[in-house]
Amino acid sequence: MRKDDSVQKCWSGKTQQILPDIKVVKVGGHFPGYLHMATINSGSCILHWNRSTVRQPSVILTADSIMPTPQGGISIMYSYPNLIGLHPDAMYGVWLAVKDLDFEWIYGGWYVVPVIKKGKEAILKSLKQIIKVISGEEKHAIFSEELPGSESSKVDPAECQTYIHKSLVYA
C-alpha cells in the first residue's frame, strides 16, 4: 500500500461510491477470500458505471472477476493461471452481488475479450450452465433465480451480442 492515504482508502462493506455515477462492488470469487451466499469476506471487486443519466447503457467493468468469453458468456474462477474453479456457492455469491445492479454491458479486463451486451442475462445463463456441469443437476439455489420482468432466464445466444475491440480487427 502507498504511504499517502489521500490517494488510497481502505473500505469495508459490499459497495463503495467513488464518483456520483461510479461505485466499487465487492463480488468475491477470485483472489483470497470469497463471497458465500450473502456473507462477504475479502475478494475481488468490479466497477459499476451508471450511465442512465446520459441515456447510455450502464456497464460493469470486471477485469477478470467476471471474465467475458468470446462465445458471449462469462467465466468465474478462483485462479485463472492455475485453472482453479470456484465452488457453486461462491459462484452464486457473485450472482447475488450483481443481480440488483442496473447494467447492460460487461467490459472485461483485456482488449482480447469481448464486450457483452445483455450482460446480466449472460451472467445468469453462464453460471447456471457451469453449476449444472459441476453438480450434474439443477438443485442449487441459483436455478430458482430469474431475471426481473422475465418468465425464464433462457437467453437466445444471438441476443448476447459481443463486440471485439477495433484494434483486433485486421485489415
C-alpha atoms as a PDB file:
ATOM      1  CA  MET A   1       0.000   0.000   0.000  1.00  0.00           C
ATOM      2  CA  ARG A   2       1.052   3.546  -0.579  1.00  0.00           C
ATOM      3  CA  LYS A   3       2.001   5.688   2.392  1.00  0.00           C
ATOM      4  CA  ASP A   4      -0.014   8.610   1.010  1.00  0.00           C
ATOM      5  CA  ASP A   5      -3.511   7.715   2.218  1.00  0.00           C
ATOM      6  CA  SER A   6      -5.051  10.651   0.357  1.00  0.00           C
ATOM      7  CA  VAL A   7      -4.714   8.527  -2.796  1.00  0.00           C
ATOM      8  CA  GLN A   8      -5.758   5.139  -1.457  1.00  0.00           C
ATOM      9  CA  LYS A   9      -8.539   4.409   1.021  1.00  0.00           C
ATOM     10  CA  CYS A  10      -9.366   1.137   2.738  1.00  0.00           C
ATOM     11  CA  TRP A  11     -13.071   0.365   2.931  1.00  0.00           C
ATOM     12  CA  SER A  12     -15.417  -2.340   4.082  1.00  0.00           C
ATOM     13  CA  GLY A  13     -18.885  -3.441   3.132  1.00  0.00           C
ATOM     14  CA  LYS A  14     -20.439  -4.524  -0.150  1.00  0.00           C
ATOM     15  CA  THR A  15     -20.180  -1.286  -2.132  1.00  0.00           C
ATOM     16  CA  GLN A  16     -18.301   1.983  -2.077  1.00  0.00           C
ATOM     17  CA  GLN A  17     -19.411   5.034  -4.066  1.00  0.00           C
ATOM     18  CA  ILE A  18     -16.302   6.643  -5.586  1.00  0.00           C
ATOM     19  CA  LEU A  19     -17.880   9.144  -8.009  1.00  0.00           C
ATOM     20  CA  PRO A  20     -21.514  10.208  -8.478  1.00  0.00           C
ATOM     21  CA  ASP A  21     -22.201   7.535 -11.121  1.00  0.00           C
ATOM     22  CA  ILE A  22     -19.442   5.021 -10.300  1.00  0.00           C
ATOM     23  CA  LYS A  23     -19.208   2.596  -7.416  1.00  0.00           C
ATOM     24  CA  VAL A  24     -16.999  -0.314  -6.459  1.00  0.00           C
ATOM     25  CA  VAL A  25     -18.883  -3.569  -5.825  1.00  0.00           C
ATOM     26  CA  LYS A  26     -17.288  -6.432  -3.926  1.00  0.00           C
ATOM     27  CA  VAL A  27     -18.240  -9.650  -5.728  1.00  0.00           C
ATOM     28  CA  GLY A  28     -15.864 -12.067  -4.013  1.00  0.00           C
ATOM     29  CA  GLY A  29     -14.828 -15.062  -6.037  1.00  0.00           C
ATOM     30  CA  HIS A  30     -11.321 -14.692  -7.276  1.00  0.00           C
ATOM     31  CA  PHE A  31      -8.412 -13.626  -5.023  1.00  0.00           C
ATOM     32  CA  PRO A  32      -8.155 -14.594  -1.341  1.00  0.00           C
ATOM     33  CA  GLY A  33     -11.500 -14.849   0.323  1.00  0.00           C
ATOM     34  CA  TYR A  34     -14.831 -15.483  -1.257  1.00  0.00           C
ATOM     35  CA  LEU A  35     -18.410 -14.357  -1.327  1.00  0.00           C
ATOM     36  CA  HIS A  36     -20.512 -17.133   0.169  1.00  0.00           C
ATOM     37  CA  MET A  37     -24.208 -16.510  -0.308  1.00  0.00           C
ATOM     38  CA  ALA A  38     -24.660 -13.008   1.139  1.00  0.00           C
ATOM     39  CA  THR A  39     -21.679 -13.072   3.526  1.00  0.00           C
ATOM     40  CA  ILE A  40     -18.816 -11.007   2.183  1.00  0.00           C
ATOM     41  CA  ASN A  41     -15.251 -11.702   3.155  1.00  0.00           C
ATOM     42  CA  SER A  42     -12.347 -10.291   1.209  1.00  0.00           C
ATOM     43  CA  GLY A  43     -12.308 -10.826  -2.506  1.00  0.00           C
ATOM     44  CA  SER A  44     -12.434  -9.342  -5.924  1.00  0.00           C
ATOM     45  CA  CYS A  45     -14.263  -6.154  -6.912  1.00  0.00           C
ATOM     46  CA  ILE A  46     -15.806  -4.695 -10.051  1.00  0.00           C
ATOM     47  CA  LEU A  47     -16.801  -1.157 -11.039  1.00  0.00           C
ATOM     48  CA  HIS A  48     -20.419  -0.308 -11.784  1.00  0.00           C
ATOM     49  CA  TRP A  49     -20.859   2.748 -14.010  1.00  0.00           C
ATOM     50  CA  ASN A  50     -24.439   4.006 -14.103  1.00  0.00           C
ATOM     51  CA  ARG A  51     -24.735   5.867 -17.408  1.00  0.00           C
ATOM     52  CA  SER A  52     -28.539   6.150 -17.412  1.00  0.00           C
ATOM     53  CA  THR A  53     -28.369   9.906 -16.744  1.00  0.00           C
ATOM     54  CA  VAL A  54     -26.692  10.363 -20.141  1.00  0.00           C
ATOM     55  CA  ARG A  55     -29.018   7.858 -21.844  1.00  0.00           C
ATOM     56  CA  GLN A  56     -26.271   5.297 -22.375  1.00  0.00           C
ATOM     57  CA  PRO A  57     -26.263   1.637 -21.307  1.00  0.00           C
ATOM     58  CA  SER A  58     -24.905   1.177 -17.806  1.00  0.00           C
ATOM     59  CA  VAL A  59     -21.871  -1.107 -17.589  1.00  0.00           C
ATOM     60  CA  ILE A  60     -19.808  -3.190 -15.236  1.00  0.00           C
ATOM     61  CA  LEU A  61     -16.038  -3.179 -15.625  1.00  0.00           C
ATOM     62  CA  THR A  62     -14.948  -6.554 -14.354  1.00  0.00           C
ATOM     63  CA  ALA A  63     -11.266  -7.204 -15.166  1.00  0.00           C
ATOM     64  CA  ASP A  64     -11.163 -10.972 -14.594  1.00  0.00           C
ATOM     65  CA  SER A  65     -13.545 -11.088 -11.633  1.00  0.00           C
ATOM     66  CA  ILE A  66     -16.259 -11.904 -14.172  1.00  0.00           C
ATOM     67  CA  MET A  67     -14.462 -12.842 -17.398  1.00  0.00           C
ATOM     68  CA  PRO A  68     -16.322 -12.328 -20.694  1.00  0.00           C
ATOM     69  CA  THR A  69     -15.815 -15.165 -23.169  1.00  0.00           C
ATOM     70  CA  PRO A  70     -15.772 -14.968 -26.978  1.00  0.00           C
ATOM     71  CA  GLN A  71     -18.967 -17.075 -27.078  1.00  0.00           C
ATOM     72  CA  GLY A  72     -20.951 -14.313 -25.341  1.00  0.00           C
ATOM     73  CA  GLY A  73     -20.955 -15.845 -21.874  1.00  0.00           C
ATOM     74  CA  ILE A  74     -18.767 -15.399 -18.810  1.00  0.00           C
ATOM     75  CA  SER A  75     -16.465 -17.454 -16.645  1.00  0.00           C
ATOM     76  CA  ILE A  76     -15.651 -17.058 -12.966  1.00  0.00           C
ATOM     77  CA  MET A  77     -12.637 -18.744 -11.418  1.00  0.00           C
ATOM     78  CA  TYR A  78     -10.688 -18.615  -8.194  1.00  0.00           C
ATOM     79  CA  SER A  79      -7.398 -18.683 -10.142  1.00  0.00           C
ATOM     80  CA  TYR A  80      -7.172 -18.232 -13.901  1.00  0.00           C
ATOM     81  CA  PRO A  81      -3.422 -19.002 -14.213  1.00  0.00           C
ATOM     82  CA  ASN A  82      -3.875 -22.270 -12.292  1.00  0.00           C
ATOM     83  CA  LEU A  83      -7.325 -23.031 -13.784  1.00  0.00           C
ATOM     84  CA  ILE A  84      -8.907 -23.469 -10.354  1.00  0.00           C
ATOM     85  CA  GLY A  85     -12.656 -23.034 -10.417  1.00  0.00           C
ATOM     86  CA  LEU A  86     -14.988 -21.785  -7.724  1.00  0.00           C
ATOM     87  CA  HIS A  87     -17.408 -23.740  -5.598  1.00  0.00           C
ATOM     88  CA  PRO A  88     -21.019 -23.341  -6.840  1.00  0.00           C
ATOM     89  CA  ASP A  89     -21.948 -21.422  -3.659  1.00  0.00           C
ATOM     90  CA  ALA A  90     -19.181 -18.898  -4.353  1.00  0.00           C
ATOM     91  CA  MET A  91     -20.415 -18.510  -7.953  1.00  0.00           C
ATOM     92  CA  TYR A  92     -23.915 -17.940  -6.633  1.00  0.00           C
ATOM     93  CA  GLY A  93     -22.497 -15.295  -4.304  1.00  0.00           C
ATOM     94  CA  VAL A  94     -21.081 -13.441  -7.308  1.00  0.00           C
ATOM     95  CA  TRP A  95     -24.543 -13.516  -8.887  1.00  0.00           C
ATOM     96  CA  LEU A  96     -26.108 -12.176  -5.675  1.00  0.00           C
ATOM     97  CA  ALA A  97     -23.595  -9.307  -5.695  1.00  0.00           C
ATOM     98  CA  VAL A  98     -24.526  -8.180  -9.240  1.00  0.00           C
ATOM     99  CA  LYS A  99     -28.163  -9.163  -9.705  1.00  0.00           C
ATOM    100  CA  ASP A 100     -29.601  -5.913  -8.325  1.00  0.00           C
ATOM    101  CA  LEU A 101     -27.207  -3.679 -10.263  1.00  0.00           C
ATOM    102  CA  ASP A 102     -28.635  -1.856 -13.259  1.00  0.00           C
ATOM    103  CA  PHE A 103     -26.328  -2.705 -16.185  1.00  0.00           C
ATOM    104  CA  GLU A 104     -26.496  -3.854 -19.790  1.00  0.00           C
ATOM    105  CA  TRP A 105     -22.884  -4.319 -20.869  1.00  0.00           C
ATOM    106  CA  ILE A 106     -19.866  -6.130 -19.431  1.00  0.00           C
ATOM    107  CA  TYR A 107     -16.329  -4.925 -20.142  1.00  0.00           C
ATOM    108  CA  GLY A 108     -13.577  -7.371 -19.188  1.00  0.00           C
ATOM    109  CA  GLY A 109     -10.013  -6.519 -18.303  1.00  0.00           C
ATOM    110  CA  TRP A 110      -8.243  -7.095 -21.593  1.00  0.00           C
ATOM    111  CA  TYR A 111      -8.885  -5.959 -25.128  1.00  0.00           C
ATOM    112  CA  VAL A 112      -8.806  -9.550 -26.375  1.00  0.00           C
ATOM    113  CA  VAL A 113     -12.110 -10.332 -24.631  1.00  0.00           C
ATOM    114  CA  PRO A 114     -15.433  -9.130 -25.997  1.00  0.00           C
ATOM    115  CA  VAL A 115     -17.788  -6.517 -24.659  1.00  0.00           C
ATOM    116  CA  ILE A 116     -21.006  -8.361 -23.863  1.00  0.00           C
ATOM    117  CA  LYS A 117     -24.432  -6.821 -24.367  1.00  0.00           C
ATOM    118  CA  LYS A 118     -27.281  -8.140 -22.211  1.00  0.00           C
ATOM    119  CA  GLY A 119     -24.660  -8.795 -19.581  1.00  0.00           C
ATOM    120  CA  LYS A 120     -26.917  -9.707 -16.686  1.00  0.00           C
ATOM    121  CA  GLU A 121     -28.611 -12.388 -18.770  1.00  0.00           C
ATOM    122  CA  ALA A 122     -25.219 -13.713 -19.875  1.00  0.00           C
ATOM    123  CA  ILE A 123     -24.010 -13.963 -16.268  1.00  0.00           C
ATOM    124  CA  LEU A 124     -27.050 -15.861 -15.010  1.00  0.00           C
ATOM    125  CA  LYS A 125     -27.158 -18.203 -18.006  1.00  0.00           C
ATOM    126  CA  SER A 126     -23.430 -18.953 -17.809  1.00  0.00           C
ATOM    127  CA  LEU A 127     -23.459 -19.586 -14.058  1.00  0.00           C
ATOM    128  CA  LYS A 128     -26.417 -21.935 -14.382  1.00  0.00           C
ATOM    129  CA  GLN A 129     -24.599 -23.844 -17.138  1.00  0.00           C
ATOM    130  CA  ILE A 130     -21.357 -24.081 -15.151  1.00  0.00           C
ATOM    131  CA  ILE A 131     -23.081 -25.178 -11.926  1.00  0.00           C
ATOM    132  CA  LYS A 132     -25.116 -27.792 -13.809  1.00  0.00           C
ATOM    133  CA  VAL A 133     -21.930 -29.237 -15.316  1.00  0.00           C
ATOM    134  CA  ILE A 134     -20.148 -29.272 -11.937  1.00  0.00           C
ATOM    135  CA  SER A 135     -23.023 -30.763  -9.941  1.00  0.00           C
ATOM    136  CA  GLY A 136     -24.745 -32.799 -12.639  1.00  0.00           C
ATOM    137  CA  GLU A 137     -28.139 -31.499 -11.522  1.00  0.00           C
ATOM    138  CA  GLU A 138     -30.294 -28.392 -11.184  1.00  0.00           C
ATOM    139  CA  LYS A 139     -30.868 -28.428  -7.423  1.00  0.00           C
ATOM    140  CA  HIS A 140     -28.666 -25.466  -6.484  1.00  0.00           C
ATOM    141  CA  ALA A 141     -30.347 -22.229  -5.344  1.00  0.00           C
ATOM    142  CA  ILE A 142     -29.195 -20.419  -8.489  1.00  0.00           C
ATOM    143  CA  PHE A 143     -31.732 -22.398 -10.527  1.00  0.00           C
ATOM    144  CA  SER A 144     -34.543 -20.603  -8.709  1.00  0.00           C
ATOM    145  CA  GLU A 145     -33.161 -17.245  -9.851  1.00  0.00           C
ATOM    146  CA  GLU A 146     -34.970 -15.407 -12.628  1.00  0.00           C
ATOM    147  CA  LEU A 147     -34.293 -12.076 -14.231  1.00  0.00           C
ATOM    148  CA  PRO A 148     -36.665  -9.308 -13.158  1.00  0.00           C
ATOM    149  CA  GLY A 149     -39.583  -8.978 -15.541  1.00  0.00           C
ATOM    150  CA  SER A 150     -38.999 -12.289 -17.298  1.00  0.00           C
ATOM    151  CA  GLU A 151     -40.615 -15.665 -17.005  1.00  0.00           C
ATOM    152  CA  SER A 152     -37.422 -17.509 -17.839  1.00  0.00           C
ATOM    153  CA  SER A 153     -33.728 -16.799 -17.765  1.00  0.00           C
ATOM    154  CA  LYS A 154     -33.217 -18.599 -21.075  1.00  0.00           C
ATOM    155  CA  VAL A 155     -31.441 -16.240 -23.421  1.00  0.00           C
ATOM    156  CA  ASP A 156     -31.161 -16.537 -27.174  1.00  0.00           C
ATOM    157  CA  PRO A 157     -27.394 -16.587 -27.885  1.00  0.00           C
ATOM    158  CA  ALA A 158     -27.983 -14.127 -30.726  1.00  0.00           C
ATOM    159  CA  GLU A 159     -29.255 -11.641 -28.138  1.00  0.00           C
ATOM    160  CA  CYS A 160     -25.935 -11.730 -26.234  1.00  0.00           C
ATOM    161  CA  GLN A 161     -24.027  -9.922 -28.942  1.00  0.00           C
ATOM    162  CA  THR A 162     -20.347  -9.446 -28.484  1.00  0.00           C
ATOM    163  CA  TYR A 163     -18.132  -6.701 -29.765  1.00  0.00           C
ATOM    164  CA  ILE A 164     -14.436  -7.127 -30.297  1.00  0.00           C
ATOM    165  CA  HIS A 165     -12.225  -4.082 -29.771  1.00  0.00           C
ATOM    166  CA  LYS A 166     -11.370  -2.455 -33.130  1.00  0.00           C
ATOM    167  CA  SER A 167      -7.644  -2.996 -32.548  1.00  0.00           C
ATOM    168  CA  LEU A 168      -8.266  -6.724 -33.040  1.00  0.00           C
ATOM    169  CA  VAL A 169      -9.781  -6.269 -36.473  1.00  0.00           C
ATOM    170  CA  TYR A 170      -7.090  -6.810 -39.057  1.00  0.00           C
ATOM    171  CA  ALA A 171      -7.279  -5.136 -42.480  1.00  0.00           C
END
